[in-house]
Protein backbone atom coordinates (compact mmCIF):
# COMPACT_ATOMS: atom_id res chain seq x y z
CA UNK A 1 -26.00 -24.02 -3.94
CA UNK A 2 -23.92 -25.06 -0.94
CA UNK A 3 -23.59 -22.36 1.74
CA UNK A 4 -20.31 -22.19 3.62
CA UNK A 5 -21.96 -20.27 6.45
CA UNK A 6 -24.87 -22.49 7.51
CA UNK A 7 -23.68 -25.60 5.63
CA UNK A 8 -27.12 -25.79 4.03
CA UNK A 9 -28.36 -25.34 0.47
CA UNK A 10 -29.58 -22.09 -1.13
CA UNK A 11 -31.08 -21.54 -4.54
CA UNK A 12 -29.27 -18.32 -5.50
CA UNK A 13 -26.00 -16.54 -4.75
CA UNK A 14 -27.93 -13.66 -3.24
CA UNK A 15 -29.48 -16.08 -0.74
CA UNK A 16 -26.01 -17.20 0.31
CA UNK A 17 -24.98 -13.57 0.77
CA UNK A 18 -28.06 -12.90 2.89
CA UNK A 19 -27.26 -15.93 5.01
CA UNK A 20 -23.78 -14.64 5.70
CA UNK A 21 -25.21 -11.22 6.60
CA UNK A 22 -27.99 -12.51 8.85
CA UNK A 23 -26.10 -15.33 10.55
CA UNK A 24 -22.44 -14.34 10.71
CA UNK A 25 -20.25 -17.05 12.19
CA UNK A 26 -16.73 -16.75 13.52
CA UNK A 27 -13.99 -18.13 11.30
CA UNK A 28 -12.81 -21.66 11.86
CA UNK A 29 -9.46 -22.42 13.52
CA UNK A 30 -8.23 -23.73 10.18
CA UNK A 31 -9.09 -20.44 8.46
CA UNK A 32 -7.34 -18.40 11.15
CA UNK A 33 -4.18 -20.52 11.08
CA UNK A 34 -4.05 -20.43 7.28
CA UNK A 35 -4.56 -16.66 7.24
CA UNK A 36 -1.86 -16.16 9.88
CA UNK A 37 0.62 -18.13 7.76
CA UNK A 38 -0.30 -16.10 4.66
CA UNK A 39 0.03 -12.88 6.65
CA UNK A 40 3.68 -13.67 7.38
CA UNK A 41 4.45 -15.17 3.98
CA UNK A 42 3.16 -12.12 2.15
CA UNK A 43 4.92 -9.74 4.57
CA UNK A 44 1.60 -8.17 5.51
CA UNK A 45 2.98 -7.61 9.02
CA UNK A 46 4.95 -4.73 7.54
CA UNK A 47 1.64 -2.92 7.04
CA UNK A 48 -0.23 -4.10 10.15
CA UNK A 49 0.44 -6.80 12.77
CA UNK A 50 -1.89 -9.78 12.42
CA UNK A 51 -3.28 -9.53 15.96
CA UNK A 52 -4.02 -5.82 15.46
CA UNK A 53 -5.95 -6.61 12.27
CA UNK A 54 -7.94 -9.28 14.13
CA UNK A 55 -8.88 -6.88 16.91
CA UNK A 56 -9.86 -4.20 14.40
CA UNK A 57 -12.02 -6.69 12.49
CA UNK A 58 -13.79 -7.72 15.68
CA UNK A 59 -14.49 -4.08 16.60
CA UNK A 60 -15.97 -3.48 13.14
CA UNK A 61 -18.08 -6.65 13.28
CA UNK A 62 -16.07 -8.16 10.44
CA UNK A 63 -14.56 -11.14 12.27
CA UNK A 64 -16.61 -13.64 10.27
CA UNK A 65 -15.95 -16.63 8.05
CA UNK A 66 -16.92 -14.63 5.01
CA UNK A 67 -14.59 -11.69 5.73
CA UNK A 68 -11.67 -13.96 6.62
CA UNK A 69 -12.27 -15.94 3.44
CA UNK A 70 -12.17 -12.72 1.42
CA UNK A 71 -8.90 -11.70 3.09
CA UNK A 72 -7.40 -15.11 2.30
CA UNK A 73 -8.41 -14.67 -1.35
CA UNK A 74 -6.87 -11.18 -1.44
CA UNK A 75 -3.57 -12.25 0.13
CA UNK A 76 -3.37 -15.29 -2.13
CA UNK A 77 -3.25 -12.90 -5.10
CA UNK A 78 -0.20 -11.16 -3.68
CA UNK A 79 3.22 -12.46 -4.63
CA UNK A 80 5.89 -13.43 -2.12
CA UNK A 81 8.06 -10.35 -1.87
CA UNK A 82 11.30 -12.29 -1.66
CA UNK A 83 10.79 -13.92 -5.07
CA UNK A 84 9.13 -11.20 -7.08
CA UNK A 85 11.35 -8.18 -7.86
CA UNK A 86 10.88 -5.96 -10.90
CA UNK A 87 13.85 -4.74 -12.88
CA UNK A 88 14.54 -1.03 -12.47
CA UNK A 89 17.70 0.99 -12.74
CA UNK A 90 18.86 1.70 -9.21
CA UNK A 91 20.94 4.71 -8.26
CA UNK A 92 22.41 5.59 -4.90
CA UNK A 93 19.37 7.74 -4.15
CA UNK A 94 17.11 6.61 -1.33
CA UNK A 95 13.57 7.94 -1.59
CA UNK A 96 12.71 9.39 1.86
CA UNK A 97 9.38 8.57 3.47
CA UNK A 98 6.85 10.98 2.04
CA UNK A 99 4.32 11.60 -0.75
CA UNK A 100 5.34 12.27 -4.33
CA UNK A 101 3.49 13.06 -7.54
CA UNK A 102 5.08 11.85 -10.77
CA UNK A 103 3.84 13.73 -13.82
CA UNK A 104 3.88 12.28 -17.32
CA UNK A 105 7.13 13.37 -18.92
CA UNK A 106 9.24 12.90 -22.02
CA UNK A 107 10.73 9.85 -20.30
CA UNK A 108 7.38 8.13 -20.79
CA UNK A 109 7.27 6.69 -17.28
CA UNK A 110 3.64 7.33 -16.40
CA UNK A 111 0.94 6.34 -18.87
CA UNK A 112 -1.70 8.43 -17.09
CA UNK A 113 -1.24 12.17 -16.64
CA UNK A 114 0.09 11.76 -13.10
CA UNK A 115 0.44 9.28 -10.26
CA UNK A 116 0.85 10.02 -6.56
CA UNK A 117 2.83 7.59 -4.41
CA UNK A 118 3.32 7.42 -0.66
CA UNK A 119 6.52 5.88 0.72
CA UNK A 120 6.53 4.97 4.40
CA UNK A 121 8.68 2.86 6.63
CA UNK A 122 7.65 -0.59 7.80
CA UNK A 123 7.30 0.06 11.51
CA UNK A 124 6.11 -3.49 12.19
CA UNK A 125 8.48 -5.55 10.11
CA UNK A 126 7.85 -9.12 9.14
CA UNK A 127 10.66 -11.45 10.14
CA UNK A 128 11.92 -11.56 6.55
CA UNK A 129 11.87 -7.81 5.88
CA UNK A 130 15.20 -6.10 6.65
CA UNK A 131 15.51 -2.75 8.38
CA UNK A 132 14.94 0.23 6.13
CA UNK A 133 12.27 -1.45 4.00
CA UNK A 134 9.35 0.68 2.85
CA UNK A 135 5.74 0.12 1.88
CA UNK A 136 4.70 2.00 -1.28
CA UNK A 137 1.07 2.99 -1.85
CA UNK A 138 -0.67 4.85 -4.65
CA UNK A 139 -3.40 7.46 -4.24
CA UNK A 140 -6.56 5.59 -5.22
CA UNK A 141 -9.26 8.09 -4.22
CA UNK A 142 -10.00 11.78 -3.61
CA UNK A 143 -8.80 11.87 0.03
CA UNK A 144 -5.04 12.37 0.09
CA UNK A 145 -4.92 11.44 3.76
CA UNK A 146 -6.54 8.01 3.69
CA UNK A 147 -7.27 6.86 0.11
CA UNK A 148 -4.03 4.98 -0.45
CA UNK A 149 -3.64 1.40 -1.68
CA UNK A 150 -0.47 -0.57 -1.06
CA UNK A 151 1.09 -2.30 -4.05
CA UNK A 152 4.80 -2.84 -3.37
CA UNK A 153 7.67 -2.98 -0.94
CA UNK A 154 11.05 -1.38 -1.48
CA UNK A 155 13.74 -3.61 0.00
CA UNK A 156 17.38 -2.54 -0.24
CA UNK A 157 16.59 -0.27 -3.16
CA UNK A 158 14.73 -2.98 -5.06
CA UNK A 159 10.99 -2.88 -5.84
CA UNK A 160 8.94 -5.92 -4.80
CA UNK A 161 5.57 -5.48 -6.51
CA UNK A 162 2.57 -7.47 -5.33
CA UNK A 163 1.19 -9.96 -7.83
CA UNK A 164 -2.10 -8.28 -8.67
CA UNK A 165 -0.28 -5.04 -9.59
CA UNK A 166 2.66 -6.57 -11.41
CA UNK A 167 2.35 -5.12 -14.88
CA UNK A 168 5.15 -2.91 -16.12
CA UNK A 169 2.66 -0.65 -17.93
CA UNK A 170 0.54 0.30 -14.91
CA UNK A 171 0.88 3.87 -13.67
CA UNK A 172 1.86 2.99 -10.05
CA UNK A 173 4.56 0.53 -11.15
CA UNK A 174 6.05 2.84 -13.78
CA UNK A 175 5.93 5.77 -11.35
CA UNK A 176 7.74 3.63 -8.75
CA UNK A 177 10.36 2.67 -11.34
CA UNK A 178 10.87 6.37 -12.08
CA UNK A 179 11.27 7.26 -8.40
CA UNK A 180 13.81 4.50 -7.80
CA UNK A 181 15.89 5.62 -10.79
CA UNK A 182 15.56 9.36 -10.13
CA UNK A 183 18.31 11.62 -8.85
CA UNK A 184 18.00 13.83 -5.77
CA UNK A 185 16.58 16.78 -7.67
CA UNK A 186 13.98 14.67 -9.45
CA UNK A 187 12.85 13.15 -6.14
CA UNK A 188 12.50 16.65 -4.65
CA UNK A 189 10.64 17.83 -7.75
CA UNK A 190 8.09 15.02 -7.35
CA UNK A 191 7.67 16.07 -3.71
CA UNK A 192 7.25 19.73 -4.67
CA UNK A 193 4.63 18.77 -7.26
CA UNK A 194 2.55 17.04 -4.60
CA UNK A 195 2.99 19.91 -2.14
CA UNK A 196 2.07 22.64 -4.62
CA UNK A 197 -1.07 20.80 -5.74
CA UNK A 198 -2.25 19.84 -2.25
CA UNK A 199 -0.76 22.59 -0.03
CA UNK A 200 0.61 19.83 2.17
CA UNK A 201 4.12 18.95 3.28
CA UNK A 202 5.37 16.12 1.10
CA UNK A 203 7.20 14.51 4.01
CA UNK A 204 4.58 14.51 6.83
CA UNK A 205 1.42 15.48 4.84
CA UNK A 206 0.47 18.27 7.24
CA UNK A 207 -1.28 21.33 5.80
CA UNK A 208 1.04 24.16 4.79
CA UNK A 209 -0.17 27.72 5.34
CA UNK A 210 2.98 29.84 5.04
CA UNK A 211 3.82 30.73 1.40
CA UNK A 212 7.53 29.98 1.90
CA UNK A 213 6.70 26.48 3.17
CA UNK A 214 4.33 25.83 0.26
CA UNK A 215 7.02 26.96 -2.18
CA UNK A 216 9.63 24.55 -0.83
CA UNK A 217 7.08 21.77 -0.23
CA UNK A 218 8.13 21.27 3.38
CA UNK A 219 7.00 22.59 6.72
CA UNK A 220 9.64 24.16 9.00
CA UNK A 221 10.18 20.96 11.04
CA UNK A 222 10.59 18.70 7.99
CA UNK A 223 12.74 21.31 6.27
CA UNK A 224 15.03 21.33 9.30
CA UNK A 225 15.32 17.54 9.22
CA UNK A 226 16.06 17.56 5.49
CA UNK A 227 18.76 20.21 5.79
């Protein structure tokens, strides 16, 4: 079996994996250039600037051919946001940045019992993402501070779902469709649901300790901004 790390031959896949682990090599210039182009094409800059990801990978010891190859594979599975909208009914409601839990209802939006989504602004926009665009992530683990996985952009009220998540029956996609077609009260209700279950502000995710704040789902600062 040909090894892309040492350019030699190994008998088993596990031997190739060990080679990558024991003799990590920096990615080639071709890999880096290709990844940089994908980074822009897939609007990944909206989540993290390319150079910042490179520096973080180097600090973690992950700036290797193998890791870059894996990232290329992952990005290749994502669709180009400009060509891949999903059809949802759009109202004039704009979902504010925050965290929302959509519970299975008579509308039949969420197949699972509930789905928690985080909306946040794209602070480092790609050149082809207009102002006001948002990244949408779903809660994919037990830690409601860090266990979020991105799956879509919202651009001018339209959902742009990444290729690997583009199935209209998946809980994150159906929950996103619900949020983008909800009215103001339904958006607030989804925020309250998250806040009541987590005792955290649904706008900034800080811990709420005062009963009145928990009841309204917002801390005093966020409540003042929302007023």
